N, C-alpha and C. Protein backbone atom coordinates (compact mmCIF):
# COMPACT_ATOMS: atom_id res chain seq x y z
N MET A 1 21.13 0.88 -6.95
CA MET A 1 20.62 0.93 -5.60
C MET A 1 19.09 0.93 -5.59
N MET A 2 18.51 1.62 -6.59
CA MET A 2 17.06 1.66 -6.65
C MET A 2 16.48 0.28 -6.90
N THR A 3 17.15 -0.53 -7.68
CA THR A 3 16.69 -1.89 -7.95
C THR A 3 16.70 -2.71 -6.68
N ILE A 4 17.70 -2.53 -5.84
CA ILE A 4 17.78 -3.26 -4.58
C ILE A 4 16.60 -2.90 -3.69
N LEU A 5 16.28 -1.60 -3.61
CA LEU A 5 15.16 -1.17 -2.78
C LEU A 5 13.84 -1.73 -3.32
N THR A 6 13.67 -1.70 -4.63
CA THR A 6 12.45 -2.24 -5.23
C THR A 6 12.34 -3.73 -4.93
N LEU A 7 13.44 -4.45 -5.08
CA LEU A 7 13.41 -5.88 -4.77
C LEU A 7 13.12 -6.13 -3.29
N LEU A 8 13.69 -5.30 -2.42
CA LEU A 8 13.43 -5.44 -0.99
C LEU A 8 11.95 -5.22 -0.70
N LEU A 9 11.38 -4.18 -1.28
CA LEU A 9 9.96 -3.90 -1.06
C LEU A 9 9.09 -5.02 -1.59
N LEU A 10 9.36 -5.48 -2.80
CA LEU A 10 8.57 -6.58 -3.35
C LEU A 10 8.74 -7.87 -2.56
N SER A 11 9.97 -8.13 -2.11
CA SER A 11 10.23 -9.32 -1.32
C SER A 11 9.48 -9.27 0.00
N SER A 12 9.53 -8.12 0.66
CA SER A 12 8.82 -7.96 1.93
C SER A 12 7.33 -8.17 1.74
N ALA A 13 6.80 -7.56 0.69
CA ALA A 13 5.37 -7.70 0.42
C ALA A 13 5.02 -9.15 0.13
N ALA A 14 5.84 -9.82 -0.65
CA ALA A 14 5.58 -11.22 -0.99
C ALA A 14 5.59 -12.10 0.25
N HIS A 15 6.56 -11.86 1.15
CA HIS A 15 6.62 -12.66 2.37
C HIS A 15 5.39 -12.42 3.25
N LEU A 16 4.99 -11.17 3.36
CA LEU A 16 3.81 -10.88 4.17
C LEU A 16 2.55 -11.45 3.54
N LEU A 17 2.45 -11.36 2.24
CA LEU A 17 1.28 -11.91 1.57
C LEU A 17 1.26 -13.42 1.66
N ALA A 18 2.41 -14.05 1.54
CA ALA A 18 2.48 -15.51 1.64
C ALA A 18 2.08 -15.98 3.04
N ALA A 19 2.43 -15.21 4.04
CA ALA A 19 2.09 -15.57 5.41
C ALA A 19 0.59 -15.49 5.66
N GLU A 20 -0.09 -14.71 4.85
CA GLU A 20 -1.52 -14.51 5.04
C GLU A 20 -2.38 -15.35 4.09
N THR A 21 -1.79 -16.25 3.34
CA THR A 21 -2.55 -16.97 2.31
C THR A 21 -3.63 -17.88 2.87
N SER A 22 -3.58 -18.16 4.16
CA SER A 22 -4.62 -19.01 4.73
C SER A 22 -5.95 -18.26 4.82
N GLN A 23 -5.90 -16.95 4.73
CA GLN A 23 -7.13 -16.14 4.75
C GLN A 23 -7.55 -15.86 3.31
N SER A 24 -8.80 -15.48 3.14
CA SER A 24 -9.21 -15.12 1.79
C SER A 24 -8.54 -13.82 1.40
N PRO A 25 -8.22 -13.64 0.12
CA PRO A 25 -7.51 -12.45 -0.33
C PRO A 25 -8.17 -11.14 0.06
N LYS A 26 -9.47 -11.10 0.10
CA LYS A 26 -10.16 -9.86 0.45
C LYS A 26 -9.84 -9.42 1.88
N GLN A 27 -9.42 -10.34 2.72
CA GLN A 27 -9.13 -10.02 4.12
C GLN A 27 -7.75 -9.40 4.30
N TRP A 28 -6.80 -9.67 3.41
CA TRP A 28 -5.45 -9.19 3.67
C TRP A 28 -4.89 -8.25 2.63
N ILE A 29 -5.42 -8.23 1.42
CA ILE A 29 -4.86 -7.33 0.43
C ILE A 29 -5.56 -5.99 0.51
N GLY A 30 -4.76 -4.95 0.39
CA GLY A 30 -5.31 -3.61 0.51
C GLY A 30 -5.43 -2.92 -0.82
N ARG A 31 -5.76 -1.65 -0.74
CA ARG A 31 -5.81 -0.80 -1.92
C ARG A 31 -4.50 -0.04 -1.99
N CYS A 32 -4.18 0.45 -3.13
CA CYS A 32 -2.98 1.26 -3.28
C CYS A 32 -3.30 2.68 -2.82
N GLU A 33 -2.76 3.04 -1.67
CA GLU A 33 -2.98 4.36 -1.09
C GLU A 33 -1.62 5.00 -0.83
N PRO A 34 -1.02 5.62 -1.87
CA PRO A 34 0.35 6.13 -1.76
C PRO A 34 0.55 7.18 -0.67
N VAL A 35 -0.37 8.10 -0.53
CA VAL A 35 -0.20 9.16 0.47
C VAL A 35 -0.19 8.55 1.87
N ASN A 36 -1.13 7.66 2.13
CA ASN A 36 -1.18 6.99 3.43
C ASN A 36 0.08 6.15 3.66
N ALA A 37 0.56 5.51 2.61
CA ALA A 37 1.77 4.70 2.72
C ALA A 37 2.97 5.55 3.11
N VAL A 38 3.09 6.74 2.52
CA VAL A 38 4.20 7.64 2.85
C VAL A 38 4.13 8.05 4.32
N VAL A 39 2.95 8.38 4.79
CA VAL A 39 2.77 8.78 6.19
C VAL A 39 3.14 7.63 7.12
N ILE A 40 2.67 6.44 6.82
CA ILE A 40 2.95 5.26 7.66
C ILE A 40 4.44 4.95 7.68
N MET A 41 5.05 4.97 6.49
CA MET A 41 6.50 4.68 6.41
C MET A 41 7.30 5.70 7.20
N ASN A 42 6.94 6.98 7.06
CA ASN A 42 7.68 8.02 7.77
C ASN A 42 7.56 7.83 9.28
N GLN A 43 6.37 7.51 9.75
CA GLN A 43 6.17 7.28 11.18
C GLN A 43 7.03 6.11 11.67
N ALA A 44 7.02 5.03 10.92
CA ALA A 44 7.80 3.85 11.31
C ALA A 44 9.30 4.15 11.28
N LEU A 45 9.76 4.85 10.27
CA LEU A 45 11.18 5.19 10.18
C LEU A 45 11.58 6.15 11.29
N THR A 46 10.69 7.05 11.66
CA THR A 46 10.95 7.97 12.77
C THR A 46 11.08 7.21 14.09
N GLU A 47 10.35 6.11 14.20
CA GLU A 47 10.42 5.27 15.40
C GLU A 47 11.67 4.39 15.41
N GLY A 48 12.48 4.48 14.36
CA GLY A 48 13.73 3.73 14.31
C GLY A 48 13.65 2.38 13.64
N LYS A 49 12.55 2.11 12.97
CA LYS A 49 12.40 0.83 12.29
C LYS A 49 13.20 0.84 10.98
N THR A 50 13.51 -0.35 10.49
CA THR A 50 14.24 -0.49 9.23
C THR A 50 13.30 -0.22 8.06
N ASP A 51 13.88 -0.12 6.86
CA ASP A 51 13.07 0.08 5.66
C ASP A 51 12.06 -1.06 5.49
N ALA A 52 12.53 -2.28 5.69
CA ALA A 52 11.66 -3.45 5.53
C ALA A 52 10.53 -3.44 6.56
N GLU A 53 10.83 -3.09 7.80
CA GLU A 53 9.80 -3.02 8.84
C GLU A 53 8.80 -1.90 8.54
N ALA A 54 9.30 -0.78 8.02
CA ALA A 54 8.42 0.33 7.67
C ALA A 54 7.48 -0.08 6.54
N PHE A 55 8.01 -0.80 5.54
CA PHE A 55 7.16 -1.23 4.45
C PHE A 55 6.17 -2.31 4.92
N ALA A 56 6.60 -3.14 5.84
CA ALA A 56 5.69 -4.14 6.41
C ALA A 56 4.52 -3.46 7.10
N ALA A 57 4.78 -2.32 7.74
CA ALA A 57 3.70 -1.55 8.38
C ALA A 57 2.71 -1.04 7.34
N VAL A 58 3.22 -0.65 6.17
CA VAL A 58 2.35 -0.20 5.07
C VAL A 58 1.46 -1.35 4.61
N VAL A 59 2.03 -2.53 4.45
CA VAL A 59 1.25 -3.69 4.03
C VAL A 59 0.22 -4.04 5.10
N GLU A 60 0.64 -4.01 6.35
CA GLU A 60 -0.26 -4.32 7.46
C GLU A 60 -1.43 -3.34 7.52
N ALA A 61 -1.17 -2.08 7.18
CA ALA A 61 -2.21 -1.06 7.19
C ALA A 61 -3.09 -1.12 5.93
N ARG A 62 -2.78 -2.07 5.05
CA ARG A 62 -3.53 -2.28 3.81
C ARG A 62 -3.50 -1.05 2.90
N SER A 63 -2.32 -0.44 2.81
CA SER A 63 -2.14 0.69 1.91
C SER A 63 -1.29 0.30 0.70
N PHE A 64 -1.14 -0.99 0.48
CA PHE A 64 -0.36 -1.52 -0.63
C PHE A 64 -1.12 -2.68 -1.24
N ASP A 65 -1.26 -2.66 -2.57
CA ASP A 65 -2.05 -3.70 -3.23
C ASP A 65 -1.22 -4.83 -3.84
N GLY A 66 0.09 -4.79 -3.65
CA GLY A 66 0.94 -5.86 -4.13
C GLY A 66 1.51 -5.65 -5.52
N SER A 67 1.19 -4.54 -6.15
CA SER A 67 1.64 -4.32 -7.53
C SER A 67 2.90 -3.46 -7.59
N LYS A 68 3.66 -3.65 -8.66
CA LYS A 68 4.83 -2.80 -8.90
C LYS A 68 4.39 -1.36 -9.15
N ALA A 69 3.26 -1.19 -9.79
CA ALA A 69 2.74 0.15 -10.05
C ALA A 69 2.50 0.89 -8.74
N CYS A 70 2.01 0.19 -7.74
CA CYS A 70 1.76 0.82 -6.45
C CYS A 70 3.07 1.29 -5.82
N ILE A 71 4.13 0.51 -5.97
CA ILE A 71 5.44 0.93 -5.46
C ILE A 71 5.86 2.22 -6.15
N ASP A 72 5.65 2.28 -7.46
CA ASP A 72 5.99 3.50 -8.20
C ASP A 72 5.16 4.69 -7.71
N PHE A 73 3.88 4.46 -7.45
CA PHE A 73 3.01 5.54 -6.95
C PHE A 73 3.46 6.01 -5.56
N ILE A 74 3.86 5.06 -4.73
CA ILE A 74 4.34 5.42 -3.38
C ILE A 74 5.61 6.24 -3.49
N ARG A 75 6.52 5.82 -4.37
CA ARG A 75 7.76 6.58 -4.56
C ARG A 75 7.47 7.98 -5.10
N GLU A 76 6.53 8.09 -6.03
CA GLU A 76 6.16 9.39 -6.58
C GLU A 76 5.54 10.28 -5.49
N ALA A 77 4.67 9.69 -4.67
CA ALA A 77 4.07 10.46 -3.57
C ALA A 77 5.14 10.92 -2.60
N SER A 78 6.13 10.08 -2.33
CA SER A 78 7.19 10.49 -1.40
C SER A 78 8.00 11.65 -1.97
N MET A 79 8.14 11.69 -3.29
CA MET A 79 8.83 12.80 -3.94
C MET A 79 8.02 14.09 -3.75
N ASN A 80 6.73 14.01 -3.96
CA ASN A 80 5.86 15.18 -3.81
C ASN A 80 5.72 15.63 -2.37
N MET A 81 5.88 14.71 -1.42
CA MET A 81 5.69 15.01 0.01
C MET A 81 7.02 15.09 0.77
N ARG A 82 8.11 15.23 0.06
CA ARG A 82 9.44 15.11 0.67
C ARG A 82 9.72 16.12 1.77
N GLU A 83 9.15 17.30 1.70
CA GLU A 83 9.43 18.30 2.74
C GLU A 83 8.77 17.93 4.06
N GLY A 84 7.59 17.40 4.03
CA GLY A 84 6.89 17.03 5.26
C GLY A 84 7.25 15.65 5.79
N TYR A 85 7.75 14.79 4.90
CA TYR A 85 8.05 13.40 5.26
C TYR A 85 9.44 13.02 4.73
N PRO A 86 10.48 13.67 5.27
CA PRO A 86 11.82 13.49 4.71
C PRO A 86 12.40 12.08 4.89
N LYS A 87 12.05 11.40 5.94
CA LYS A 87 12.62 10.06 6.15
C LYS A 87 12.14 9.08 5.10
N THR A 88 10.88 9.18 4.71
CA THR A 88 10.37 8.30 3.66
C THR A 88 11.04 8.63 2.34
N PHE A 89 11.15 9.91 2.04
CA PHE A 89 11.81 10.32 0.81
C PHE A 89 13.23 9.79 0.76
N LYS A 90 13.96 9.97 1.85
CA LYS A 90 15.36 9.50 1.88
C LYS A 90 15.41 7.98 1.72
N SER A 91 14.52 7.27 2.37
CA SER A 91 14.52 5.82 2.30
C SER A 91 14.24 5.31 0.88
N LEU A 92 13.30 5.95 0.20
CA LEU A 92 12.90 5.47 -1.12
C LEU A 92 13.72 6.02 -2.27
N TRP A 93 14.39 7.14 -2.06
CA TRP A 93 15.13 7.76 -3.16
C TRP A 93 16.62 7.85 -2.95
N MET A 94 17.08 7.94 -1.72
CA MET A 94 18.50 8.21 -1.48
C MET A 94 19.28 6.99 -1.00
N ASP A 95 18.64 6.08 -0.31
CA ASP A 95 19.34 4.90 0.22
C ASP A 95 19.44 3.80 -0.79
């Protein structure tokens, strides 16, 4: 199940990045900001958005740099922040 979520996240990121290729990379790629990503994902999930839509919000907020390592950092941050942001934790670890 974890592999499916990782593939979903990478696929979503790839589609969003591909849609933005007409701009220079500095305009659309963000930094890896795991704590901010957890907060954004939790907010989106609380609003009833899907996992893919929540991750798209993270990419849009430029809190994801496109790397697999960043996904791992986001998952680790969600583990550390699970009490305050349970929806993100559940989405990344339990679903």
